[in-house]
Amino acid sequence: MDISWIPGDSDLLVTIVAGLVVIGGVAAALVGKGRQAPPREAPPRRDDAAATAAPTVEEAPEEAVETAEAVETPEAVDHRFGRLRRRVGTTFGQSLLAIFRRGALSQDDWDELEETLLMADVGAATTDELLADLKARLKAEPDGDPRALLRAALLDVVDPSLDRSLALGAPGDGELHSAVVVGVNGVGKTTTVGKLARVLVAEDRTVVLGAADTFRAAAADQLETWGARVGVPVVRAHVDGADPASVAYEAADRARTDEAEVLLVDTAGRLQNKQGLMDELGKIVRVVSKVSPPQEVLLVLDATTGQNGLTQARVFGQVAPLTGVVLTKLDGTAKGGIVLAVQRELGVPVKFVGLGEGADDLAPFDPAGFVDSLLGE
């Protein structure tokens, strides 16, 4: 650059220009440094993603950890039934409370009470019986509390005097006791069998499971999963579509050979209007009886199916001698009044209620506790 035209000390000017060049270089270096990747000490983003994809046990979802623990130690029965009281009584109990708070019952109140019972799936016949009973009690006790009198009427229907224990002997009695679980598709038979096995193992009983639902490989797989969780053997078909009765007999024979205390047989879902399938169920009961006559034939009913469950129960009762009912899916969305209808019309005791899909969501049926849950007490 020609600077001869500038007056004064040209050396000073050169110094200034050189300084500007140096400052520009430093600025450019700073800008370039700002565009570089973060220091290696900072954790790269891909490490964060890897940690998310493969959590440690401590970082596993809380519900997964709780499920694994629950499989080992069954939840206390009182706590399980406490959840039933919270779930079932909300809507039904609030409706009844609103009616009884009005004092003396008018005709409109009686009509609303009837509607409430019907909406809870109590059933027409059982509802008529309950209302007639309540009117008789109020006539005998004009100053009585209608809610307390209804509680007494409800208790009469569920009949607390019935034996609701499993007739499978006592732990360590040295005998083989068997139970067959029946019901239509989708009611939760296989899950119920698994949960029952879990309860029995917790009582120090030795158990064998029979996967006699040979129409669905998934059912046998599910039962094997339960068997692995509770540490009991499962006998299943060697080929798809095998004779269910032969599998049931093989399971009974295995239980006898192993000197097990309890045999639980899961059966295929039956449509109660398919005579051939129902006859096959009777065959299962007969072949198991050759080794150990079933002390329990438990019918699993879905509480959300309402009065249709009664039709199923009547037909199953014609094929196998029902000894008890397990009501599944009896949660906040179910209409708990179906318990009253089943108990009154079938005369078969409700022995267990299912409250959900969890390992501990199966509780022995407590008549008084159930009535209190309905009333929201």
Protein backbone atom coordinates (compact mmCIF):
# COMPACT_ATOMS: atom_id res chain seq x y z
CA MET A 1 0.00 0.00 0.00
CA ASP A 2 1.38 3.40 -1.03
CA ILE A 3 1.42 5.78 1.98
CA SER A 4 3.94 8.29 0.70
CA TRP A 5 1.21 10.91 0.32
CA ILE A 6 0.40 10.92 4.04
CA PRO A 7 2.26 13.65 5.88
CA GLY A 8 4.02 12.95 9.21
CA ASP A 9 5.63 9.92 10.57
CA SER A 10 4.81 7.04 8.28
CA ASP A 11 6.14 4.55 10.86
CA LEU A 12 3.32 5.54 13.22
CA LEU A 13 0.73 4.86 10.57
CA VAL A 14 2.21 1.45 9.81
CA THR A 15 2.06 0.59 13.49
CA ILE A 16 -1.62 1.55 13.67
CA VAL A 17 -2.52 -0.55 10.61
CA ALA A 18 -0.64 -3.54 11.97
CA GLY A 19 -2.51 -3.20 15.24
CA LEU A 20 -5.84 -3.22 13.44
CA VAL A 21 -4.83 -6.38 11.57
CA VAL A 22 -3.94 -8.11 14.84
CA ILE A 23 -7.24 -7.09 16.47
CA GLY A 24 -9.18 -8.42 13.46
CA GLY A 25 -7.36 -11.74 13.66
CA VAL A 26 -8.18 -12.10 17.34
CA ALA A 27 -11.84 -11.32 16.70
CA ALA A 28 -12.02 -13.88 13.92
CA ALA A 29 -10.44 -16.49 16.16
CA LEU A 30 -13.01 -15.82 18.88
CA VAL A 31 -15.89 -16.18 16.42
CA GLY A 32 -14.47 -19.46 15.11
CA LYS A 33 -14.05 -20.77 18.64
CA GLY A 34 -17.72 -20.01 19.37
CA ARG A 35 -18.76 -22.23 16.46
CA GLN A 36 -16.78 -25.27 17.65
CA ALA A 37 -18.39 -28.30 19.45
CA PRO A 38 -18.75 -27.98 23.23
CA PRO A 39 -15.82 -29.13 25.35
CA ARG A 40 -15.40 -32.88 25.74
CA GLU A 41 -16.09 -32.55 29.45
CA ALA A 42 -19.77 -31.77 28.69
CA PRO A 43 -21.87 -34.98 28.31
CA PRO A 44 -22.76 -35.53 24.64
CA ARG A 45 -26.47 -35.74 23.77
CA ARG A 46 -26.15 -39.31 22.51
CA ASP A 47 -25.12 -40.42 26.02
CA ASP A 48 -28.39 -38.99 27.38
CA ALA A 49 -30.36 -40.96 24.78
CA ALA A 50 -28.55 -44.16 25.65
CA ALA A 51 -29.32 -43.68 29.32
CA THR A 52 -33.03 -43.24 28.49
CA ALA A 53 -33.14 -46.34 26.29
CA ALA A 54 -31.56 -48.66 28.88
CA PRO A 55 -32.53 -47.57 32.42
CA THR A 56 -30.99 -49.26 35.41
CA VAL A 57 -33.16 -51.10 37.93
CA GLU A 58 -33.23 -48.04 40.11
CA GLU A 59 -34.46 -45.94 37.18
CA ALA A 60 -37.15 -48.40 36.05
CA PRO A 61 -40.74 -47.12 36.14
CA GLU A 62 -42.18 -47.26 39.62
CA GLU A 63 -45.15 -49.39 38.60
CA ALA A 64 -42.86 -52.06 37.09
CA VAL A 65 -40.88 -52.33 40.31
CA GLU A 66 -44.09 -52.56 42.34
CA THR A 67 -45.44 -55.34 40.12
CA ALA A 68 -42.26 -57.38 40.49
CA GLU A 69 -42.40 -57.05 44.27
CA ALA A 70 -46.14 -57.84 44.41
CA VAL A 71 -45.59 -61.15 42.64
CA GLU A 72 -43.37 -62.30 45.48
CA THR A 73 -45.49 -61.10 48.40
CA PRO A 74 -49.28 -61.04 48.07
CA GLU A 75 -50.92 -57.89 49.32
CA ALA A 76 -52.87 -58.11 52.54
CA VAL A 77 -56.49 -59.15 52.04
CA ASP A 78 -57.83 -56.27 54.14
CA HIS A 79 -56.05 -53.75 51.94
CA ARG A 80 -57.34 -55.39 48.76
CA PHE A 81 -60.94 -55.28 49.92
CA GLY A 82 -60.43 -51.71 51.08
CA ARG A 83 -59.82 -50.80 47.45
CA LEU A 84 -63.05 -52.54 46.51
CA ARG A 85 -64.97 -50.38 48.97
CA ARG A 86 -63.46 -47.24 47.49
CA ARG A 87 -64.18 -48.26 43.89
CA VAL A 88 -67.65 -49.79 43.99
CA GLY A 89 -69.55 -47.54 46.32
CA THR A 90 -68.92 -44.13 44.79
CA THR A 91 -71.86 -43.63 42.40
CA PHE A 92 -74.34 -46.06 43.95
CA GLY A 93 -73.72 -44.92 47.51
CA GLN A 94 -73.95 -41.22 46.65
CA SER A 95 -77.28 -41.74 44.87
CA LEU A 96 -78.75 -43.59 47.84
CA LEU A 97 -77.43 -41.02 50.30
CA ALA A 98 -79.09 -38.22 48.32
CA ILE A 99 -82.44 -40.05 48.45
CA PHE A 100 -82.35 -40.87 52.16
CA ARG A 101 -81.28 -37.35 53.18
CA ARG A 102 -84.72 -36.07 52.17
CA GLY A 103 -86.35 -37.66 55.18
CA ALA A 104 -89.63 -39.54 54.72
CA LEU A 105 -89.72 -41.32 51.38
CA SER A 106 -92.26 -40.02 48.91
CA GLN A 107 -93.53 -41.98 45.93
CA ASP A 108 -91.03 -40.13 43.77
CA ASP A 109 -88.27 -41.20 46.17
CA TRP A 110 -89.35 -44.83 45.90
CA ASP A 111 -89.33 -44.56 42.11
CA GLU A 112 -85.85 -43.04 42.18
CA LEU A 113 -84.66 -45.74 44.56
CA GLU A 114 -85.97 -48.41 42.19
CA GLU A 115 -84.23 -46.75 39.26
CA THR A 116 -80.97 -46.54 41.20
CA LEU A 117 -81.06 -50.26 42.03
CA LEU A 118 -81.84 -51.19 38.43
CA MET A 119 -79.04 -48.97 37.10
CA ALA A 120 -76.65 -50.76 39.47
CA ASP A 121 -77.52 -54.09 37.78
CA VAL A 122 -79.34 -55.49 40.79
CA GLY A 123 -81.93 -56.93 38.41
CA ALA A 124 -85.70 -56.47 38.26
CA ALA A 125 -86.65 -59.46 40.43
CA THR A 126 -84.06 -58.70 43.11
CA THR A 127 -84.99 -55.00 43.07
CA ASP A 128 -88.68 -55.79 43.61
CA GLU A 129 -87.77 -58.09 46.48
CA LEU A 130 -85.50 -55.51 48.10
CA LEU A 131 -88.08 -52.71 47.89
CA ALA A 132 -90.83 -54.92 49.28
CA ASP A 133 -88.51 -55.94 52.13
CA LEU A 134 -87.57 -52.33 52.86
CA LYS A 135 -91.23 -51.23 52.92
CA ALA A 136 -92.05 -54.03 55.35
CA ARG A 137 -89.15 -53.04 57.62
CA LEU A 138 -90.18 -49.36 57.57
CA LYS A 139 -93.76 -50.33 58.40
CA ALA A 140 -92.52 -52.34 61.37
CA GLU A 141 -90.14 -49.53 62.41
CA PRO A 142 -91.71 -46.21 61.34
CA ASP A 143 -88.90 -44.25 63.02
CA GLY A 144 -86.14 -46.49 61.67
CA ASP A 145 -83.28 -45.21 59.52
CA PRO A 146 -84.17 -46.21 55.91
CA ARG A 147 -80.49 -46.49 55.02
CA ALA A 148 -79.76 -48.83 57.92
CA LEU A 149 -82.85 -50.90 57.10
CA LEU A 150 -81.79 -51.15 53.45
CA ARG A 151 -78.37 -52.36 54.63
CA ALA A 152 -80.06 -55.15 56.56
CA ALA A 153 -82.15 -56.08 53.51
CA LEU A 154 -79.04 -56.16 51.30
CA LEU A 155 -77.24 -58.38 53.79
CA ASP A 156 -80.13 -60.83 53.70
CA VAL A 157 -79.72 -61.12 49.92
CA VAL A 158 -75.96 -61.76 49.95
CA ASP A 159 -76.38 -64.12 52.93
CA PRO A 160 -73.30 -63.80 55.18
CA SER A 161 -73.94 -67.31 56.55
CA LEU A 162 -72.73 -68.99 53.33
CA ASP A 163 -69.30 -70.64 53.38
CA ARG A 164 -67.17 -68.76 50.86
CA SER A 165 -63.84 -70.41 51.52
CA LEU A 166 -62.20 -72.59 48.88
CA ALA A 167 -62.97 -76.25 49.56
CA LEU A 168 -59.42 -77.34 48.80
CA GLY A 169 -58.46 -78.87 52.10
CA ALA A 170 -55.85 -77.59 54.52
CA PRO A 171 -52.17 -77.01 53.73
CA GLY A 172 -50.13 -80.13 54.41
CA ASP A 173 -53.06 -82.55 54.62
CA GLY A 174 -51.35 -84.88 52.13
CA GLU A 175 -54.35 -85.02 49.78
CA LEU A 176 -54.73 -83.82 46.18
CA HIS A 177 -57.56 -81.33 45.77
CA SER A 178 -58.65 -80.09 42.35
CA ALA A 179 -60.55 -77.11 40.98
CA VAL A 180 -61.82 -76.42 37.46
CA VAL A 181 -62.32 -72.83 36.32
CA VAL A 182 -64.99 -72.19 33.66
CA GLY A 183 -66.62 -69.27 31.86
CA VAL A 184 -67.10 -67.65 28.47
CA ASN A 185 -64.36 -65.96 26.46
CA GLY A 186 -62.91 -62.72 27.75
CA VAL A 187 -64.03 -62.85 31.37
CA GLY A 188 -60.52 -63.36 32.78
CA LYS A 189 -60.38 -67.11 33.52
CA THR A 190 -56.66 -67.57 32.89
CA THR A 191 -55.72 -64.52 34.93
CA THR A 192 -57.98 -65.72 37.73
CA VAL A 193 -56.28 -69.14 37.72
CA GLY A 194 -52.88 -67.47 37.96
CA LYS A 195 -53.94 -65.25 40.83
CA LEU A 196 -55.51 -68.15 42.70
CA ALA A 197 -52.28 -70.11 42.29
CA ARG A 198 -50.40 -67.20 43.73
CA VAL A 199 -52.64 -67.09 46.79
CA LEU A 200 -52.32 -70.85 47.32
CA VAL A 201 -48.52 -70.77 47.01
CA ALA A 202 -48.45 -67.99 49.60
CA GLU A 203 -50.24 -70.46 51.91
CA ASP A 204 -47.33 -72.90 51.41
CA ARG A 205 -49.30 -75.25 49.17
CA THR A 206 -47.83 -77.14 46.24
CA VAL A 207 -49.77 -76.45 43.05
CA VAL A 208 -49.95 -77.76 39.47
CA LEU A 209 -51.68 -75.80 36.70
CA GLY A 210 -53.43 -77.44 33.76
CA ALA A 211 -53.73 -75.42 30.53
CA ALA A 212 -56.81 -77.13 29.09
CA ASP A 213 -57.62 -74.14 26.87
CA THR A 214 -56.11 -75.73 23.77
CA PHE A 215 -57.94 -73.47 21.32
CA ARG A 216 -55.75 -70.46 22.09
CA ALA A 217 -51.99 -70.88 22.32
CA ALA A 218 -51.88 -67.46 23.96
CA ALA A 219 -53.90 -68.81 26.90
CA ALA A 220 -51.35 -71.55 27.58
CA ASP A 221 -48.50 -69.04 27.17
CA GLN A 222 -50.19 -66.71 29.64
CA LEU A 223 -50.67 -69.52 32.15
CA GLU A 224 -47.02 -70.52 31.78
CA THR A 225 -46.05 -66.94 32.57
CA TRP A 226 -48.09 -67.10 35.75
CA GLY A 227 -46.56 -70.47 36.59
CA ALA A 228 -43.08 -69.01 36.25
CA ARG A 229 -43.99 -66.04 38.41
CA VAL A 230 -45.30 -68.12 41.28
CA GLY A 231 -42.99 -71.09 40.82
CA VAL A 232 -45.42 -73.86 39.91
CA PRO A 233 -45.39 -76.32 36.96
CA VAL A 234 -47.81 -75.94 34.07
CA VAL A 235 -49.02 -78.88 31.96
CA ARG A 236 -50.00 -77.83 28.43
CA ALA A 237 -50.74 -79.48 25.08
CA HIS A 238 -47.81 -80.72 23.01
CA VAL A 239 -49.58 -79.78 19.76
CA ASP A 240 -52.11 -77.13 18.83
CA GLY A 241 -55.73 -78.20 18.98
CA ALA A 242 -55.13 -81.16 21.31
CA ASP A 243 -58.04 -82.68 23.19
CA PRO A 244 -58.66 -80.43 26.23
CA ALA A 245 -59.82 -83.37 28.33
CA SER A 246 -56.57 -85.27 27.67
CA VAL A 247 -54.56 -82.24 28.79
CA ALA A 248 -56.68 -81.96 31.93
CA TYR A 249 -56.10 -85.65 32.68
CA GLU A 250 -52.35 -85.32 32.08
CA ALA A 251 -52.27 -82.37 34.48
CA ALA A 252 -54.16 -84.37 37.10
CA ASP A 253 -51.78 -87.29 36.67
CA ARG A 254 -48.77 -84.97 36.98
CA ALA A 255 -50.22 -83.49 40.18
CA ARG A 256 -50.70 -86.99 41.60
CA THR A 257 -47.17 -88.07 40.62
CA ASP A 258 -45.64 -84.92 42.12
CA GLU A 259 -47.75 -85.36 45.27
CA ALA A 260 -49.06 -81.84 44.81
CA GLU A 261 -51.79 -80.51 47.06
CA VAL A 262 -53.83 -78.53 44.54
CA LEU A 263 -54.60 -78.88 40.83
CA LEU A 264 -56.07 -75.84 39.05
CA VAL A 265 -57.44 -76.46 35.54
CA ASP A 266 -57.99 -73.56 33.16
CA THR A 267 -60.58 -74.28 30.46
CA ALA A 268 -61.39 -72.77 27.09
CA GLY A 269 -63.95 -70.01 26.85
CA ARG A 270 -67.32 -71.54 26.08
CA LEU A 271 -70.29 -70.00 24.38
CA GLN A 272 -73.17 -71.15 26.51
CA ASN A 273 -75.29 -71.69 23.38
CA LYS A 274 -72.78 -74.12 21.79
CA GLN A 275 -73.81 -77.55 23.03
CA GLY A 276 -70.74 -79.33 21.69
CA LEU A 277 -68.37 -77.10 23.63
CA MET A 278 -70.44 -77.41 26.77
CA ASP A 279 -70.40 -81.21 26.47
CA GLU A 280 -66.62 -81.06 26.22
CA LEU A 281 -66.51 -79.13 29.47
CA GLY A 282 -68.43 -81.90 31.14
CA LYS A 283 -65.86 -84.36 29.78
CA ILE A 284 -63.04 -82.38 31.39
CA VAL A 285 -64.74 -82.59 34.75
CA ARG A 286 -65.25 -86.34 34.33
CA VAL A 287 -61.64 -87.17 33.42
CA VAL A 288 -60.22 -85.05 36.23
CA SER A 289 -62.56 -86.91 38.59
CA LYS A 290 -60.76 -90.16 37.74
CA VAL A 291 -57.75 -88.81 39.63
CA SER A 292 -59.27 -86.26 42.01
CA PRO A 293 -62.97 -85.28 41.88
CA PRO A 294 -63.07 -81.47 41.63
CA GLN A 295 -63.95 -79.98 44.98
CA GLU A 296 -64.41 -76.63 43.28
CA VAL A 297 -65.95 -75.70 39.92
CA LEU A 298 -65.58 -71.93 39.81
CA LEU A 299 -67.53 -69.88 37.30
CA VAL A 300 -65.82 -66.64 36.28
CA LEU A 301 -68.24 -63.85 35.34
CA ASP A 302 -67.44 -60.39 34.00
CA ALA A 303 -69.26 -57.94 36.28
CA THR A 304 -69.67 -55.47 33.42
CA THR A 305 -71.86 -57.86 31.42
CA GLY A 306 -74.74 -57.38 33.84
CA GLN A 307 -77.77 -59.62 33.61
CA ASN A 308 -76.27 -61.56 30.69
CA GLY A 309 -73.95 -63.14 33.22
CA LEU A 310 -76.93 -64.79 34.89
CA THR A 311 -77.88 -66.53 31.64
CA GLN A 312 -74.32 -67.81 31.29
CA ALA A 313 -74.33 -69.06 34.86
CA ARG A 314 -77.56 -71.02 34.50
CA VAL A 315 -76.30 -72.90 31.43
CA PHE A 316 -72.89 -73.65 32.93
CA GLY A 317 -74.63 -74.92 36.03
CA GLN A 318 -76.43 -77.53 33.92
CA VAL A 319 -73.12 -78.97 32.66
CA ALA A 320 -70.89 -78.76 35.74
CA PRO A 321 -71.77 -78.62 39.45
CA LEU A 322 -70.88 -75.00 40.20
CA THR A 323 -69.54 -74.43 43.70
CA GLY A 324 -68.66 -70.76 43.54
CA VAL A 325 -68.52 -67.59 41.45
CA VAL A 326 -65.61 -65.25 40.79
CA LEU A 327 -66.71 -61.80 39.63
CA THR A 328 -64.01 -59.98 37.66
CA LYS A 329 -63.70 -56.35 36.58
CA LEU A 330 -65.65 -55.17 39.61
CA ASP A 331 -64.11 -51.69 39.66
CA GLY A 332 -65.45 -48.15 39.55
CA THR A 333 -67.05 -48.62 36.12
CA ALA A 334 -68.79 -51.90 36.98
CA LYS A 335 -72.26 -52.11 38.45
CA GLY A 336 -71.75 -53.92 41.70
CA GLY A 337 -75.41 -54.85 42.06
CA ILE A 338 -74.76 -57.88 39.86
CA VAL A 339 -73.38 -59.54 43.02
CA LEU A 340 -76.85 -59.38 44.56
CA ALA A 341 -78.52 -60.80 41.46
CA VAL A 342 -76.01 -63.65 41.15
CA GLN A 343 -76.32 -64.54 44.81
CA ARG A 344 -80.12 -64.44 44.89
CA GLU A 345 -80.91 -66.15 41.60
CA LEU A 346 -78.17 -68.78 41.46
CA GLY A 347 -77.82 -69.74 45.09
CA VAL A 348 -74.08 -70.18 44.42
CA PRO A 349 -71.83 -68.13 46.69
CA VAL A 350 -69.63 -65.40 45.28
CA LYS A 351 -66.20 -66.42 46.61
CA PHE A 352 -63.84 -63.91 45.01
CA VAL A 353 -64.07 -60.53 43.33
CA GLY A 354 -61.57 -59.18 40.82
CA LEU A 355 -60.79 -55.49 41.05
CA GLY A 356 -58.46 -54.99 38.08
CA GLU A 357 -55.49 -56.40 36.20
CA GLY A 358 -52.88 -56.27 38.94
CA ALA A 359 -51.42 -59.35 40.60
CA ASP A 360 -53.23 -58.51 43.86
CA ASP A 361 -56.54 -57.44 42.33
CA LEU A 362 -58.36 -60.54 43.54
CA ALA A 363 -59.98 -60.49 46.97
CA PRO A 364 -62.09 -62.94 48.96
CA PHE A 365 -65.69 -61.79 48.98
CA ASP A 366 -66.77 -60.20 52.26
CA PRO A 367 -70.60 -59.79 52.32
CA ALA A 368 -70.75 -57.12 55.03
CA GLY A 369 -67.85 -55.18 53.57
CA PHE A 370 -69.38 -55.34 50.11
CA VAL A 371 -72.77 -54.05 51.29
CA ASP A 372 -71.04 -51.21 53.11
CA SER A 373 -69.12 -50.39 49.93
CA LEU A 374 -72.38 -50.21 47.98
CA LEU A 375 -73.82 -47.83 50.53
CA GLY A 376 -70.67 -45.72 50.49
CA GLU A 377 -69.97 -46.32 54.19
